Amino acid sequence: MNLNAPPRLIRNGRDFPFILIAPQRFNAFIQVPEIDSIIEFAKVHYRVDPKRIYLTGISAGAIQTWAYAAQHYAKLAAVLPIAGNGNGLNLCPMAAAGLPVWAFHGQADGTVSPYGSIDPVSRMNNTCSPGANPAAQLTLYPGVGHDSWGRTYDGSAGHDVYAWLLSHSL
């Protein structure tokens, strides 16, 4: 993660004019109330535009990104879960609210099933009424295992996820 994570990109000159919260803890989940506390702390202590708060995470962090967004979708401008699992969550309220979602997953992920991204995106677009608008997006990397975040965060897969995030606001 450290090779391609936003902190390294910043050190290499990439400008991120927004708050980017990437919930990740080794062998533990950052719970939804903790994520909310982090966001609220940032809003109080930093010059945060509350209309441009984005949430991303990898693996366990992506699982919690889905969980946070399902509960606090009105606080977020967009979410970017990578190699996560949003199954078992009621995502229809966030679909109805129009929260932009772009999920990424490796098709050969043996740690977190790709269906942890495939099914939630499909439900948001095809099962929820109304469906997600804008439509939730999914990018699957053929032959890629659990580390689908490196190529996503550093742009080497051809996606500028940061420009996509910046294209959304509340």
Protein backbone atom coordinates (compact mmCIF):
# COMPACT_ATOMS: atom_id res chain seq x y z
CA MET A 1 0.00 0.00 0.00
CA ASN A 2 2.73 2.49 0.87
CA LEU A 3 4.19 2.32 -2.62
CA ASN A 4 1.08 3.70 -4.28
CA ALA A 5 -0.96 5.28 -1.52
CA PRO A 6 -1.96 8.93 -1.65
CA PRO A 7 0.73 9.99 0.90
CA ARG A 8 3.46 8.84 -1.49
CA LEU A 9 1.78 10.54 -4.42
CA ILE A 10 1.67 13.75 -2.38
CA ARG A 11 5.40 13.44 -1.60
CA ASN A 12 5.95 13.07 -5.34
CA GLY A 13 4.07 16.29 -6.09
CA ARG A 14 0.45 15.24 -6.62
CA ASP A 15 -1.97 17.90 -5.38
CA PHE A 16 -5.05 16.71 -3.54
CA PRO A 17 -7.31 19.70 -2.88
CA PHE A 18 -9.77 17.64 -0.83
CA ILE A 19 -9.99 15.52 2.31
CA LEU A 20 -9.21 11.88 1.59
CA ILE A 21 -9.89 9.42 4.38
CA ALA A 22 -8.62 5.90 3.79
CA PRO A 23 -9.69 3.71 6.73
CA GLN A 24 -7.06 1.01 7.16
CA ARG A 25 -5.69 -0.69 10.23
CA PHE A 26 -3.54 -3.81 10.26
CA ASN A 27 -5.65 -6.85 11.24
CA ALA A 28 -8.55 -4.79 12.60
CA PHE A 29 -11.54 -2.86 11.36
CA ILE A 30 -12.01 0.83 11.95
CA GLN A 31 -15.63 0.93 13.04
CA VAL A 32 -18.24 3.26 11.56
CA PRO A 33 -18.42 5.48 14.69
CA GLU A 34 -14.61 5.89 14.58
CA ILE A 35 -14.73 6.92 10.92
CA ASP A 36 -17.46 9.40 11.72
CA SER A 37 -15.38 10.81 14.57
CA ILE A 38 -12.39 11.22 12.25
CA ILE A 39 -14.52 13.10 9.72
CA GLU A 40 -16.11 15.30 12.37
CA PHE A 41 -12.70 16.04 13.92
CA ALA A 42 -11.35 17.05 10.51
CA LYS A 43 -14.34 19.32 9.90
CA VAL A 44 -13.77 21.12 13.20
CA HIS A 45 -9.97 21.36 13.12
CA TYR A 46 -9.17 21.84 9.42
CA ARG A 47 -10.48 23.91 6.54
CA VAL A 48 -12.78 21.23 5.22
CA ASP A 49 -15.38 21.84 2.57
CA PRO A 50 -18.21 19.66 3.91
CA LYS A 51 -19.59 19.37 0.37
CA ARG A 52 -16.42 17.63 -0.84
CA ILE A 53 -15.70 14.80 1.58
CA TYR A 54 -14.70 11.53 -0.09
CA LEU A 55 -14.10 8.13 1.48
CA THR A 56 -11.94 5.30 0.21
CA GLY A 57 -10.40 2.22 1.71
CA ILE A 58 -8.78 -1.07 0.79
CA SER A 59 -9.80 -4.55 1.95
CA ALA A 60 -11.04 -4.14 5.56
CA GLY A 61 -11.02 -0.38 4.97
CA ALA A 62 -13.22 -0.84 1.90
CA ILE A 63 -15.61 -3.03 3.87
CA GLN A 64 -15.93 -0.19 6.34
CA THR A 65 -16.18 2.35 3.53
CA TRP A 66 -19.29 0.51 2.33
CA ALA A 67 -20.61 0.31 5.92
CA TYR A 68 -20.00 4.01 6.61
CA ALA A 69 -21.54 5.10 3.32
CA ALA A 70 -24.63 2.97 3.96
CA GLN A 71 -25.24 4.88 7.21
CA HIS A 72 -23.81 8.35 6.53
CA TYR A 73 -24.25 8.78 2.77
CA ALA A 74 -25.50 12.35 3.21
CA LYS A 75 -22.07 13.42 4.54
CA LEU A 76 -20.11 12.13 1.55
CA ALA A 77 -19.59 13.45 -1.95
CA ALA A 78 -18.39 10.08 -3.33
CA VAL A 79 -16.92 6.75 -2.21
CA LEU A 80 -14.25 4.51 -3.68
CA PRO A 81 -14.12 1.05 -2.04
CA ILE A 82 -11.30 -1.18 -3.29
CA ALA A 83 -11.30 -4.97 -2.70
CA GLY A 84 -14.09 -4.65 -0.16
CA ASN A 85 -17.42 -6.26 0.59
CA GLY A 86 -20.67 -4.33 0.72
CA ASN A 87 -22.90 -7.40 0.92
CA GLY A 88 -25.42 -7.58 3.73
CA LEU A 89 -25.86 -3.80 3.90
CA ASN A 90 -28.94 -1.79 2.98
CA LEU A 91 -27.46 0.30 0.18
CA CYS A 92 -30.76 1.46 -1.31
CA PRO A 93 -30.96 4.69 0.74
CA MET A 94 -27.51 5.74 -0.52
CA ALA A 95 -28.49 4.73 -4.06
CA ALA A 96 -31.66 6.83 -3.78
CA ALA A 97 -29.65 9.75 -2.39
CA GLY A 98 -27.40 9.66 -5.45
CA LEU A 99 -24.09 8.96 -3.67
CA PRO A 100 -21.54 8.30 -6.43
CA VAL A 101 -19.80 4.92 -6.00
CA TRP A 102 -16.90 3.48 -7.94
CA ALA A 103 -15.81 0.07 -6.67
CA PHE A 104 -12.65 -1.75 -7.75
CA HIS A 105 -11.76 -5.41 -7.32
CA GLY A 106 -9.38 -8.03 -8.68
CA GLN A 107 -11.24 -10.88 -10.37
CA ALA A 108 -8.78 -13.39 -8.89
CA ASP A 109 -9.04 -12.03 -5.33
CA GLY A 110 -8.80 -15.01 -2.97
CA THR A 111 -9.01 -12.88 0.19
CA VAL A 112 -12.22 -10.91 -0.39
CA SER A 113 -14.49 -12.34 -3.05
CA PRO A 114 -15.00 -10.10 -6.08
CA TYR A 115 -18.72 -10.55 -5.43
CA GLY A 116 -18.21 -8.28 -2.43
CA SER A 117 -18.07 -5.49 -5.04
CA ILE A 118 -20.03 -7.05 -7.91
CA ASP A 119 -23.21 -7.74 -5.94
CA PRO A 120 -23.51 -4.38 -4.12
CA VAL A 121 -22.97 -2.40 -7.32
CA SER A 122 -25.50 -4.57 -9.12
CA ARG A 123 -28.04 -4.20 -6.30
CA MET A 124 -27.63 -0.42 -6.24
CA ASN A 125 -28.16 -0.20 -9.99
CA ASN A 126 -30.71 -2.93 -10.63
CA THR A 127 -32.56 -3.84 -7.43
CA CYS A 128 -32.94 -0.62 -5.49
CA SER A 129 -35.93 1.50 -6.40
CA PRO A 130 -35.02 4.08 -7.38
CA GLY A 131 -31.73 2.78 -8.68
CA ALA A 132 -28.44 4.56 -8.19
CA ASN A 133 -28.25 7.85 -10.07
CA PRO A 134 -25.51 8.29 -11.06
CA ALA A 135 -25.14 4.57 -11.66
CA ALA A 136 -22.70 2.86 -9.32
CA GLN A 137 -19.56 1.86 -11.21
CA LEU A 138 -17.45 -1.27 -10.96
CA THR A 139 -14.00 -1.94 -12.36
CA LEU A 140 -12.79 -5.54 -12.27
CA TYR A 141 -9.15 -6.31 -13.01
CA PRO A 142 -8.79 -9.67 -14.82
CA GLY A 143 -6.18 -11.98 -13.27
CA VAL A 144 -5.54 -9.62 -10.35
CA GLY A 145 -5.63 -10.90 -6.77
CA HIS A 146 -6.27 -8.98 -3.60
CA ASP A 147 -3.94 -6.04 -4.36
CA SER A 148 -6.18 -4.17 -6.74
CA TRP A 149 -5.46 -0.86 -5.00
CA GLY A 150 -1.92 -0.19 -6.22
CA ARG A 151 -2.94 0.14 -9.85
CA THR A 152 -6.08 2.04 -8.82
CA TYR A 153 -4.45 4.64 -6.58
CA ASP A 154 -1.37 5.24 -8.75
CA GLY A 155 -3.34 5.45 -12.00
CA SER A 156 -1.33 2.75 -13.79
CA ALA A 157 -4.56 0.95 -14.76
CA GLY A 158 -5.60 4.04 -16.69
CA HIS A 159 -8.08 5.49 -14.20
CA ASP A 160 -7.69 8.86 -12.52
CA VAL A 161 -9.80 8.16 -9.47
CA TYR A 162 -8.86 11.52 -7.97
CA ALA A 163 -10.28 13.45 -10.92
CA TRP A 164 -13.40 11.30 -10.63
CA LEU A 165 -13.71 12.11 -6.93
CA LEU A 166 -13.24 15.81 -7.60
CA SER A 167 -15.99 15.74 -10.20
CA HIS A 168 -18.51 15.15 -7.39
CA SER A 169 -19.79 17.36 -4.59
CA LEU A 170 -22.88 17.52 -2.42
